[in-house]
PDB file of N, CA and C in Angstrom:
ATOM      1  N   MET A   1       0.839  -1.183   0.000  1.00  0.00           N
ATOM      2  CA  MET A   1       0.000   0.000   0.000  1.00  0.00           C
ATOM      3  C   MET A   1       0.886   1.249   0.000  1.00  0.00           C
ATOM      4  N   GLY A   2       0.523   2.227  -0.825  1.00  0.00           N
ATOM      5  CA  GLY A   2       1.331   3.432  -0.936  1.00  0.00           C
ATOM      6  C   GLY A   2       1.243   4.312   0.296  1.00  0.00           C
ATOM      7  N   VAL A   3       2.392   4.840   0.697  1.00  0.00           N
ATOM      8  CA  VAL A   3       2.450   5.744   1.840  1.00  0.00           C
ATOM      9  C   VAL A   3       3.066   7.045   1.362  1.00  0.00           C
ATOM     10  N   PRO A   4       2.474   8.217   1.695  1.00  0.00           N
ATOM     11  CA  PRO A   4       3.051   9.478   1.244  1.00  0.00           C
ATOM     12  C   PRO A   4       4.431   9.718   1.844  1.00  0.00           C
ATOM     13  N   LYS A   5       5.353  10.212   0.999  1.00  0.00           N
ATOM     14  CA  LYS A   5       6.724  10.462   1.473  1.00  0.00           C
ATOM     15  C   LYS A   5       6.781  11.661   2.395  1.00  0.00           C
ATOM     16  N   ARG A   6       6.039  12.719   2.017  1.00  0.00           N
ATOM     17  CA  ARG A   6       6.075  13.944   2.817  1.00  0.00           C
ATOM     18  C   ARG A   6       4.664  14.359   3.195  1.00  0.00           C
ATOM     19  N   ARG A   7       4.572  15.059   4.282  1.00  0.00           N
ATOM     20  CA  ARG A   7       3.286  15.573   4.729  1.00  0.00           C
ATOM     21  C   ARG A   7       2.902  16.764   3.846  1.00  0.00           C
ATOM     22  N   GLN A   8       1.621  16.934   3.602  1.00  0.00           N
ATOM     23  CA  GLN A   8       1.152  18.023   2.750  1.00  0.00           C
ATOM     24  C   GLN A   8       1.200  19.351   3.511  1.00  0.00           C
ATOM     25  N   SER A   9       1.564  20.419   2.819  1.00  0.00           N
ATOM     26  CA  SER A   9       1.704  21.725   3.473  1.00  0.00           C
ATOM     27  C   SER A   9       0.338  22.288   3.851  1.00  0.00           C
ATOM     28  N   HIS A  10       0.346  23.260   4.762  1.00  0.00           N
ATOM     29  CA  HIS A  10      -0.895  23.880   5.221  1.00  0.00           C
ATOM     30  C   HIS A  10      -1.608  24.599   4.086  1.00  0.00           C
ATOM     31  N   SER A  11      -0.840  25.294   3.234  1.00  0.00           N
ATOM     32  CA  SER A  11      -1.470  26.048   2.147  1.00  0.00           C
ATOM     33  C   SER A  11      -2.121  25.101   1.132  1.00  0.00           C
ATOM     34  N   ARG A  12      -1.479  23.990   0.850  1.00  0.00           N
ATOM     35  CA  ARG A  12      -2.047  23.030  -0.094  1.00  0.00           C
ATOM     36  C   ARG A  12      -3.318  22.411   0.472  1.00  0.00           C
ATOM     37  N   THR A  13      -3.309  22.091   1.752  1.00  0.00           N
ATOM     38  CA  THR A  13      -4.490  21.535   2.405  1.00  0.00           C
ATOM     39  C   THR A  13      -5.619  22.544   2.405  1.00  0.00           C
ATOM     40  N   SER A  14      -5.304  23.803   2.697  1.00  0.00           N
ATOM     41  CA  SER A  14      -6.316  24.852   2.729  1.00  0.00           C
ATOM     42  C   SER A  14      -6.919  25.070   1.349  1.00  0.00           C
ATOM     43  N   LYS A  15      -6.085  25.013   0.307  1.00  0.00           N
ATOM     44  CA  LYS A  15      -6.591  25.178  -1.060  1.00  0.00           C
ATOM     45  C   LYS A  15      -7.594  24.084  -1.389  1.00  0.00           C
ATOM     46  N   ARG A  16      -7.290  22.858  -1.018  1.00  0.00           N
ATOM     47  CA  ARG A  16      -8.177  21.743  -1.309  1.00  0.00           C
ATOM     48  C   ARG A  16      -9.493  21.887  -0.542  1.00  0.00           C
ATOM     49  N   ARG A  17      -9.403  22.276   0.710  1.00  0.00           N
ATOM     50  CA  ARG A  17     -10.599  22.379   1.547  1.00  0.00           C
ATOM     51  C   ARG A  17     -11.490  23.541   1.153  1.00  0.00           C
ATOM     52  N   SER A  18     -10.915  24.590   0.557  1.00  0.00           N
ATOM     53  CA  SER A  18     -11.694  25.785   0.252  1.00  0.00           C
ATOM     54  C   SER A  18     -12.384  25.713  -1.108  1.00  0.00           C
ATOM     55  N   GLU A  19     -12.104  24.707  -1.916  1.00  0.00           N
ATOM     56  CA  GLU A  19     -12.661  24.642  -3.267  1.00  0.00           C
ATOM     57  C   GLU A  19     -14.177  24.520  -3.277  1.00  0.00           C
ATOM     58  N   TRP A  20     -14.774  23.835  -2.317  1.00  0.00           N
ATOM     59  CA  TRP A  20     -16.227  23.627  -2.340  1.00  0.00           C
ATOM     60  C   TRP A  20     -16.985  24.933  -2.146  1.00  0.00           C
ATOM     61  N   LYS A  21     -16.344  25.940  -1.540  1.00  0.00           N
ATOM     62  CA  LYS A  21     -17.007  27.233  -1.341  1.00  0.00           C
ATOM     63  C   LYS A  21     -17.156  28.001  -2.647  1.00  0.00           C
ATOM     64  N   LYS A  22     -16.311  27.687  -3.632  1.00  0.00           N
ATOM     65  CA  LYS A  22     -16.320  28.413  -4.897  1.00  0.00           C
ATOM     66  C   LYS A  22     -17.394  27.908  -5.858  1.00  0.00           C
ATOM     67  N   ILE A  23     -18.006  26.770  -5.572  1.00  0.00           N
ATOM     68  CA  ILE A  23     -19.012  26.208  -6.464  1.00  0.00           C
ATOM     69  C   ILE A  23     -20.276  27.067  -6.395  1.00  0.00           C
ATOM     70  N   ASP A  24     -20.812  27.437  -7.552  1.00  0.00           N
ATOM     71  CA  ASP A  24     -22.038  28.230  -7.591  1.00  0.00           C
ATOM     72  C   ASP A  24     -23.239  27.382  -7.204  1.00  0.00           C
ATOM     73  N   GLN A  25     -24.221  28.028  -6.607  1.00  0.00           N
ATOM     74  CA  GLN A  25     -25.451  27.324  -6.283  1.00  0.00           C
ATOM     75  C   GLN A  25     -26.259  27.123  -7.553  1.00  0.00           C
ATOM     76  N   PRO A  26     -26.940  25.987  -7.683  1.00  0.00           N
ATOM     77  CA  PRO A  26     -27.749  25.781  -8.883  1.00  0.00           C
ATOM     78  C   PRO A  26     -28.919  26.758  -8.917  1.00  0.00           C
ATOM     79  N   GLY A  27     -29.266  27.208 -10.106  1.00  0.00           N
ATOM     80  CA  GLY A  27     -30.364  28.148 -10.253  1.00  0.00           C
ATOM     81  C   GLY A  27     -31.710  27.469 -10.068  1.00  0.00           C
ATOM     82  N   LEU A  28     -32.710  28.258  -9.777  1.00  0.00           N
ATOM     83  CA  LEU A  28     -34.061  27.740  -9.630  1.00  0.00           C
ATOM     84  C   LEU A  28     -34.823  27.991 -10.923  1.00  0.00           C
ATOM     85  N   VAL A  29     -35.742  27.090 -11.248  1.00  0.00           N
ATOM     86  CA  VAL A  29     -36.590  27.246 -12.423  1.00  0.00           C
ATOM     87  C   VAL A  29     -38.047  27.237 -11.975  1.00  0.00           C
ATOM     88  N   GLU A  30     -38.899  27.791 -12.804  1.00  0.00           N
ATOM     89  CA  GLU A  30     -40.317  27.880 -12.472  1.00  0.00           C
ATOM     90  C   GLU A  30     -41.036  26.617 -12.904  1.00  0.00           C
ATOM     91  N   CYS A  31     -41.879  26.076 -12.037  1.00  0.00           N
ATOM     92  CA  CYS A  31     -42.669  24.885 -12.356  1.00  0.00           C
ATOM     93  C   CYS A  31     -43.759  25.279 -13.361  1.00  0.00           C
ATOM     94  N   PRO A  32     -43.900  24.536 -14.461  1.00  0.00           N
ATOM     95  CA  PRO A  32     -44.916  24.902 -15.451  1.00  0.00           C
ATOM     96  C   PRO A  32     -46.354  24.662 -14.963  1.00  0.00           C
ATOM     97  N   GLN A  33     -46.536  23.829 -13.953  1.00  0.00           N
ATOM     98  CA  GLN A  33     -47.880  23.529 -13.455  1.00  0.00           C
ATOM     99  C   GLN A  33     -48.356  24.586 -12.456  1.00  0.00           C
ATOM    100  N   CYS A  34     -47.590  24.770 -11.371  1.00  0.00           N
ATOM    101  CA  CYS A  34     -48.045  25.640 -10.276  1.00  0.00           C
ATOM    102  C   CYS A  34     -47.279  26.953 -10.207  1.00  0.00           C
ATOM    103  N   HIS A  35     -46.259  27.129 -11.058  1.00  0.00           N
ATOM    104  CA  HIS A  35     -45.455  28.357 -11.151  1.00  0.00           C
ATOM    105  C   HIS A  35     -44.683  28.675  -9.875  1.00  0.00           C
ATOM    106  N   GLU A  36     -44.378  27.663  -9.078  1.00  0.00           N
ATOM    107  CA  GLU A  36     -43.496  27.823  -7.922  1.00  0.00           C
ATOM    108  C   GLU A  36     -42.062  27.578  -8.401  1.00  0.00           C
ATOM    109  N   PHE A  37     -41.097  28.121  -7.688  1.00  0.00           N
ATOM    110  CA  PHE A  37     -39.700  27.866  -8.033  1.00  0.00           C
ATOM    111  C   PHE A  37     -39.269  26.522  -7.468  1.00  0.00           C
ATOM    112  N   LYS A  38     -38.491  25.773  -8.269  1.00  0.00           N
ATOM    113  CA  LYS A  38     -38.027  24.448  -7.865  1.00  0.00           C
ATOM    114  C   LYS A  38     -36.624  24.230  -8.404  1.00  0.00           C
ATOM    115  N   MET A  39     -35.952  23.202  -7.903  1.00  0.00           N
ATOM    116  CA  MET A  39     -34.640  22.840  -8.408  1.00  0.00           C
ATOM    117  C   MET A  39     -34.796  22.234  -9.802  1.00  0.00           C
ATOM    118  N   PRO A  40     -33.852  22.494 -10.714  1.00  0.00           N
ATOM    119  CA  PRO A  40     -33.972  21.915 -12.055  1.00  0.00           C
ATOM    120  C   PRO A  40     -33.803  20.395 -12.043  1.00  0.00           C
ATOM    121  N   HIS A  41     -34.499  19.723 -12.935  1.00  0.00           N
ATOM    122  CA  HIS A  41     -34.445  18.267 -13.114  1.00  0.00           C
ATOM    123  C   HIS A  41     -34.938  17.517 -11.879  1.00  0.00           C
ATOM    124  N   ARG A  42     -35.860  18.105 -11.133  1.00  0.00           N
ATOM    125  CA  ARG A  42     -36.448  17.448  -9.960  1.00  0.00           C
ATOM    126  C   ARG A  42     -37.939  17.696  -9.961  1.00  0.00           C
ATOM    127  N   ALA A  43     -38.670  16.806  -9.306  1.00  0.00           N
ATOM    128  CA  ALA A  43     -40.120  16.979  -9.206  1.00  0.00           C
ATOM    129  C   ALA A  43     -40.419  18.185  -8.320  1.00  0.00           C
ATOM    130  N   CYS A  44     -41.521  18.861  -8.616  1.00  0.00           N
ATOM    131  CA  CYS A  44     -41.941  20.013  -7.817  1.00  0.00           C
ATOM    132  C   CYS A  44     -42.449  19.516  -6.472  1.00  0.00           C
ATOM    133  N   LEU A  45     -41.979  20.150  -5.401  1.00  0.00           N
ATOM    134  CA  LEU A  45     -42.380  19.723  -4.066  1.00  0.00           C
ATOM    135  C   LEU A  45     -43.802  20.155  -3.730  1.00  0.00           C
ATOM    136  N   LYS A  46     -44.290  21.185  -4.390  1.00  0.00           N
ATOM    137  CA  LYS A  46     -45.621  21.688  -4.080  1.00  0.00           C
ATOM    138  C   LYS A  46     -46.719  20.882  -4.782  1.00  0.00           C
ATOM    139  N   CYS A  47     -46.590  20.713  -6.121  1.00  0.00           N
ATOM    140  CA  CYS A  47     -47.656  20.024  -6.860  1.00  0.00           C
ATOM    141  C   CYS A  47     -47.306  18.574  -7.182  1.00  0.00           C
ATOM    142  N   GLY A  48     -46.031  18.175  -7.134  1.00  0.00           N
ATOM    143  CA  GLY A  48     -45.637  16.796  -7.382  1.00  0.00           C
ATOM    144  C   GLY A  48     -45.518  16.425  -8.844  1.00  0.00           C
ATOM    145  N   TYR A  49     -45.399  17.386  -9.738  1.00  0.00           N
ATOM    146  CA  TYR A  49     -45.297  17.090 -11.163  1.00  0.00           C
ATOM    147  C   TYR A  49     -43.849  17.150 -11.621  1.00  0.00           C
ATOM    148  N   TYR A  50     -43.533  16.290 -12.598  1.00  0.00           N
ATOM    149  CA  TYR A  50     -42.224  16.304 -13.247  1.00  0.00           C
ATOM    150  C   TYR A  50     -42.426  15.964 -14.712  1.00  0.00           C
ATOM    151  N   LYS A  51     -41.977  16.840 -15.589  1.00  0.00           N
ATOM    152  CA  LYS A  51     -42.133  16.694 -17.044  1.00  0.00           C
ATOM    153  C   LYS A  51     -43.594  16.466 -17.445  1.00  0.00           C
ATOM    154  N   GLY A  52     -44.494  17.189 -16.812  1.00  0.00           N
ATOM    155  CA  GLY A  52     -45.900  17.124 -17.181  1.00  0.00           C
ATOM    156  C   GLY A  52     -46.667  15.932 -16.627  1.00  0.00           C
ATOM    157  N   LYS A  53     -46.028  15.097 -15.816  1.00  0.00           N
ATOM    158  CA  LYS A  53     -46.688  13.925 -15.242  1.00  0.00           C
ATOM    159  C   LYS A  53     -46.659  13.990 -13.728  1.00  0.00           C
ATOM    160  N   SER A  54     -47.724  13.498 -13.098  1.00  0.00           N
ATOM    161  CA  SER A  54     -47.773  13.460 -11.641  1.00  0.00           C
ATOM    162  C   SER A  54     -46.939  12.279 -11.167  1.00  0.00           C
ATOM    163  N   VAL A  55     -45.918  12.557 -10.367  1.00  0.00           N
ATOM    164  CA  VAL A  55     -45.033  11.492  -9.892  1.00  0.00           C
ATOM    165  C   VAL A  55     -45.092  11.314  -8.385  1.00  0.00           C
ATOM    166  N   MET A  56     -45.695  12.275  -7.690  1.00  0.00           N
ATOM    167  CA  MET A  56     -45.785  12.142  -6.238  1.00  0.00           C
ATOM    168  C   MET A  56     -47.246  12.250  -5.805  1.00  0.00           C
TER     169      MET A  56
END
């Protein structure tokens, strides 16, 4: 099993840990049935429709 030769520096560790903060939040889209905002590619939590079909 591979073992690292040297310990990683503080700045390198901090760079890796801070990357998730730079990710943009996904935008919201309007539900065509009830016109509420919802996450894209997911069923609407209010009316339960996805792609024009009732799924919930």
